[in-house]
Every structure is written in structure tokens, then in C-alpha cells.
Amino acid sequence: MPRNRQQIPREERTGDLLAAATELFLAKGYAKTTMADISSAAGVARGNVYWYFDSKDHIFAAVMNRMLSREIRILNEEQAGADPLSRLVRGLSDMRYSRPLHQAMHDRLPHSEEVREAHNTFLNWIVGLVDELMAERGLDNAPGIDATLVRDVAVAVFEGANVPNDQNRPAHEMIRFLMESVLARCAGPQGRKR
């Protein structure tokens, strides 16, 4: 016999809802997924979903945060000791399956503070790894290097790569190219830092 709501701990029910929402958002997209779809897939009465999440945007933001947290945890375990560029490229490559959801985030940014916060968390992760890479190579305060510009360009490349285009080149490839080009420019002809 299924347990009723009182018998299921809140965090377990929240996890069920997030798992159902993740699957549905990936399969149907944000726009075509309804709260009724999520409640049905999680085995929760329609109205009860709102006890856990205030809106579809709230659950969407939670799904995106959960996906990023999971990827960071996996990278920290599997890529411990790897340089920041390798971790960034691997993370973006691993999360390529969620690209349509990132595009949906852009549609929701003007309408939802929760989605904006989740989006900013994702961008801050990219910026953090770019900053770590720049610091590791001694380029964060190097003369003639605008670390803020490098950071901003990396984010712009990532954001631009998430807009459908004819090339459909993955963000991780473009960011690797960008960062390797910056590092090569800074290293000079003999491969040393300037």
C-alpha cells in the first residue's frame, strides 16, 4: 500500500518531485511541462505540489541548481587534481544534454527571480573556474591582462553557444579554444609566462 503524505518525509517528497520534473523538462521542455504533469509523475496530488514549490519557475530553478550541484560533486570526485580548464570543459561537456533547459532559463529570466538566481549560480561556477585558472597561471594580476575581460568573454561565449545556430558548436569546445588562446598569448613564444 502506498504511503500517504504524512508518512513521507518532506525531503524525500521534494526529491521525488525534482526527479519527476527533471525527467519531464528534459523530455518535453519547460514550456510543454505542466505542474499537473510533474505531480502525476511524482505521484502527488496536483494541489500538493505547491506545498513544496511555489510555482513552476521555483521547481525549474531547483532542478537546474540540483543538476549543477550534482555535476560539481562528480567533477570534484572524478577530476580531483585536474586543472580548472579541464574541469570546466568536462563539466560543460557533461551538461550538454541540458542545453535546451539553459535556453529555457533565458526565456524565464525576465519573469522569475528564482530562475535568475539559478542562472547566476551557473555563470558564477564558470567565472570561478576561469578565475581559478587565471590565478593558477599567475595571470589574474599580470600586467597587460584584463582578467575581468577574460571572464566576461568566457561567459559571453558560453551564453552565445546556448543560442541555436547553424554551426551548433558546443560551448565547451569554444571555451577551451578561448582559454588556451589566452594562455598561449600570455606564455609567449618559448611557452613561459610573460
Protein backbone atom coordinates (compact mmCIF):
# COMPACT_ATOMS: atom_id res chain seq x y z
CA MET A 1 0.00 0.00 0.00
CA PRO A 2 1.42 3.44 -0.88
CA ARG A 3 2.39 5.71 1.96
CA ASN A 4 0.37 8.85 2.47
CA ARG A 5 1.88 12.35 2.50
CA GLN A 6 2.32 12.42 6.27
CA GLN A 7 4.40 9.23 6.18
CA ILE A 8 6.82 10.51 3.52
CA PRO A 9 9.49 12.92 4.81
CA ARG A 10 9.42 16.33 3.14
CA GLU A 11 12.93 15.98 1.70
CA GLU A 12 12.04 12.63 0.14
CA ARG A 13 8.90 14.04 -1.47
CA THR A 14 10.85 17.07 -2.67
CA GLY A 15 13.39 14.70 -4.22
CA ASP A 16 10.59 12.77 -5.95
CA LEU A 17 9.18 15.99 -7.38
CA LEU A 18 12.60 17.18 -8.56
CA ALA A 19 13.34 13.82 -10.19
CA ALA A 20 9.99 13.85 -12.00
CA ALA A 21 10.39 17.49 -13.05
CA THR A 22 13.94 16.87 -14.33
CA GLU A 23 12.80 13.95 -16.45
CA LEU A 24 9.83 15.87 -17.82
CA PHE A 25 11.73 19.10 -18.51
CA LEU A 26 14.39 17.13 -20.40
CA ALA A 27 11.84 15.09 -22.35
CA LYS A 28 9.18 17.72 -23.08
CA GLY A 29 10.93 21.02 -22.40
CA TYR A 30 9.99 23.68 -19.88
CA ALA A 31 7.13 25.19 -21.87
CA LYS A 32 5.33 21.91 -22.52
CA THR A 33 5.68 20.57 -18.97
CA THR A 34 2.86 21.42 -16.59
CA MET A 35 2.69 21.26 -12.83
CA ALA A 36 -0.03 18.63 -13.35
CA ASP A 37 2.47 16.53 -15.36
CA ILE A 38 5.01 16.84 -12.55
CA SER A 39 2.53 15.96 -9.82
CA SER A 40 1.25 12.96 -11.77
CA ALA A 41 4.76 11.65 -12.50
CA ALA A 42 5.74 12.04 -8.84
CA GLY A 43 2.51 10.50 -7.55
CA VAL A 44 1.44 13.67 -5.76
CA ALA A 45 -1.99 15.26 -5.84
CA ARG A 46 -2.00 18.30 -8.14
CA GLY A 47 -2.53 20.93 -5.49
CA ASN A 48 0.01 19.37 -3.15
CA VAL A 49 2.94 20.23 -5.42
CA TYR A 50 2.51 23.82 -4.26
CA TRP A 51 3.26 22.79 -0.67
CA TYR A 52 6.78 22.06 -1.87
CA PHE A 53 7.29 24.61 -4.67
CA ASP A 54 5.53 27.95 -5.08
CA SER A 55 5.49 27.81 -8.87
CA LYS A 56 6.78 26.06 -11.96
CA ASP A 57 9.67 28.55 -12.02
CA HIS A 58 10.60 27.58 -8.46
CA ILE A 59 10.77 23.89 -9.33
CA PHE A 60 12.60 24.69 -12.57
CA ALA A 61 15.23 26.71 -10.69
CA ALA A 62 15.57 23.90 -8.14
CA VAL A 63 16.06 21.37 -10.96
CA MET A 64 18.79 23.50 -12.55
CA ASN A 65 20.54 24.04 -9.21
CA ARG A 66 20.36 20.32 -8.47
CA MET A 67 21.84 19.44 -11.87
CA LEU A 68 24.73 21.88 -11.39
CA SER A 69 25.37 20.70 -7.82
CA ARG A 70 25.46 17.10 -8.99
CA GLU A 71 27.91 17.96 -11.78
CA ILE A 72 30.18 19.89 -9.41
CA ARG A 73 30.17 16.96 -6.97
CA ILE A 74 31.03 14.50 -9.75
CA LEU A 75 33.80 16.76 -11.06
CA ASN A 76 35.26 17.15 -7.58
CA GLU A 77 35.34 13.36 -7.20
CA GLU A 78 36.44 12.34 -10.69
CA GLN A 79 38.58 15.32 -11.60
CA ALA A 80 40.27 15.98 -8.27
CA GLY A 81 43.66 17.43 -9.04
CA ALA A 82 42.77 18.29 -12.64
CA ASP A 83 43.40 21.83 -13.75
CA PRO A 84 40.45 24.27 -13.74
CA LEU A 85 40.20 24.36 -17.55
CA SER A 86 39.85 20.58 -17.72
CA ARG A 87 37.16 20.65 -15.02
CA LEU A 88 35.28 23.45 -16.77
CA VAL A 89 35.43 21.78 -20.18
CA ARG A 90 34.43 18.41 -18.72
CA GLY A 91 31.54 19.96 -16.76
CA LEU A 92 30.19 21.84 -19.77
CA SER A 93 30.57 18.75 -21.93
CA ASP A 94 28.81 16.53 -19.37
CA MET A 95 25.95 19.00 -19.05
CA ARG A 96 25.42 19.36 -22.78
CA TYR A 97 22.28 17.23 -22.51
CA SER A 98 20.68 20.06 -20.51
CA ARG A 99 21.36 22.73 -23.14
CA PRO A 100 17.65 23.13 -24.03
CA LEU A 101 16.92 23.79 -20.36
CA HIS A 102 19.56 26.51 -20.27
CA GLN A 103 17.85 28.07 -23.28
CA ALA A 104 14.53 27.89 -21.42
CA MET A 105 16.17 29.68 -18.50
CA HIS A 106 16.82 32.62 -20.81
CA ASP A 107 13.14 32.75 -21.70
CA ARG A 108 12.23 32.87 -18.00
CA LEU A 109 14.92 35.33 -16.80
CA PRO A 110 12.73 38.43 -17.21
CA HIS A 111 9.87 36.78 -15.33
CA SER A 112 11.40 34.94 -12.42
CA GLU A 113 13.84 35.92 -9.68
CA GLU A 114 14.33 32.22 -8.83
CA VAL A 115 15.37 31.40 -12.38
CA ARG A 116 17.68 34.45 -12.47
CA GLU A 117 19.35 33.23 -9.27
CA ALA A 118 19.79 29.70 -10.65
CA HIS A 119 21.20 31.12 -13.88
CA ASN A 120 23.61 33.33 -11.94
CA THR A 121 24.75 30.32 -9.90
CA PHE A 122 25.64 28.56 -13.14
CA LEU A 123 27.50 31.58 -14.53
CA ASN A 124 29.32 32.06 -11.22
CA TRP A 125 30.56 28.48 -11.46
CA ILE A 126 32.04 29.23 -14.90
CA VAL A 127 33.56 32.50 -13.66
CA GLY A 128 35.01 30.76 -10.60
CA LEU A 129 36.83 28.20 -12.72
CA VAL A 130 38.10 30.86 -15.13
CA ASP A 131 39.37 32.88 -12.15
CA GLU A 132 40.98 29.75 -10.69
CA LEU A 133 42.71 29.02 -13.99
CA MET A 134 43.95 32.60 -14.32
CA ALA A 135 45.26 32.56 -10.74
CA GLU A 136 46.91 29.15 -11.20
CA ARG A 137 48.82 30.50 -14.19
CA GLY A 138 49.65 33.76 -12.42
CA LEU A 139 47.58 35.78 -14.86
CA ASP A 140 44.96 37.17 -12.50
CA ASN A 141 47.06 40.26 -11.77
CA ALA A 142 49.51 40.10 -14.67
CA PRO A 143 50.32 43.37 -16.43
CA GLY A 144 48.52 43.70 -19.76
CA ILE A 145 45.97 41.01 -18.91
CA ASP A 146 42.44 42.09 -18.13
CA ALA A 147 41.20 39.11 -16.10
CA THR A 148 37.73 40.62 -15.91
CA LEU A 149 37.57 40.80 -19.69
CA VAL A 150 38.70 37.17 -19.99
CA ARG A 151 35.99 36.17 -17.52
CA ASP A 152 33.34 38.20 -19.34
CA VAL A 153 34.31 36.79 -22.73
CA ALA A 154 34.16 33.21 -21.37
CA VAL A 155 30.62 33.86 -20.10
CA ALA A 156 29.64 35.53 -23.41
CA VAL A 157 30.98 32.56 -25.37
CA PHE A 158 29.04 30.17 -23.17
CA GLU A 159 25.84 32.18 -23.38
CA GLY A 160 26.19 32.62 -27.14
CA ALA A 161 26.79 28.91 -27.60
CA ASN A 162 23.44 28.25 -25.98
CA VAL A 163 21.61 30.10 -28.71
CA PRO A 164 20.70 27.79 -31.61
CA ASN A 165 22.90 28.49 -34.63
CA ASP A 166 23.95 26.87 -37.90
CA GLN A 167 27.32 25.77 -36.53
CA ASN A 168 25.92 24.34 -33.30
CA ARG A 169 29.46 24.19 -31.97
CA PRO A 170 29.46 23.13 -28.30
CA ALA A 171 30.29 25.70 -25.64
CA HIS A 172 32.97 23.51 -24.08
CA GLU A 173 34.94 23.45 -27.36
CA MET A 174 34.74 27.22 -27.79
CA ILE A 175 35.70 27.95 -24.18
CA ARG A 176 38.65 25.55 -24.38
CA PHE A 177 39.80 27.34 -27.54
CA LEU A 178 39.35 30.75 -25.91
CA MET A 179 41.21 29.89 -22.72
CA GLU A 180 44.02 28.04 -24.49
CA SER A 181 44.43 31.05 -26.81
CA VAL A 182 44.61 33.44 -23.87
CA LEU A 183 47.10 31.21 -22.07
CA ALA A 184 49.25 30.83 -25.19
CA ARG A 185 49.26 34.59 -25.74
CA CYS A 186 50.38 35.13 -22.17
CA ALA A 187 53.05 32.42 -22.30
CA GLY A 188 54.94 33.95 -25.22
CA PRO A 189 56.96 32.12 -27.89
CA GLN A 190 59.00 29.93 -25.52
CA GLY A 191 55.96 28.79 -23.51
CA ARG A 192 56.93 30.92 -20.49
CA LYS A 193 54.73 33.37 -18.68
CA ARG A 194 55.49 36.97 -19.53
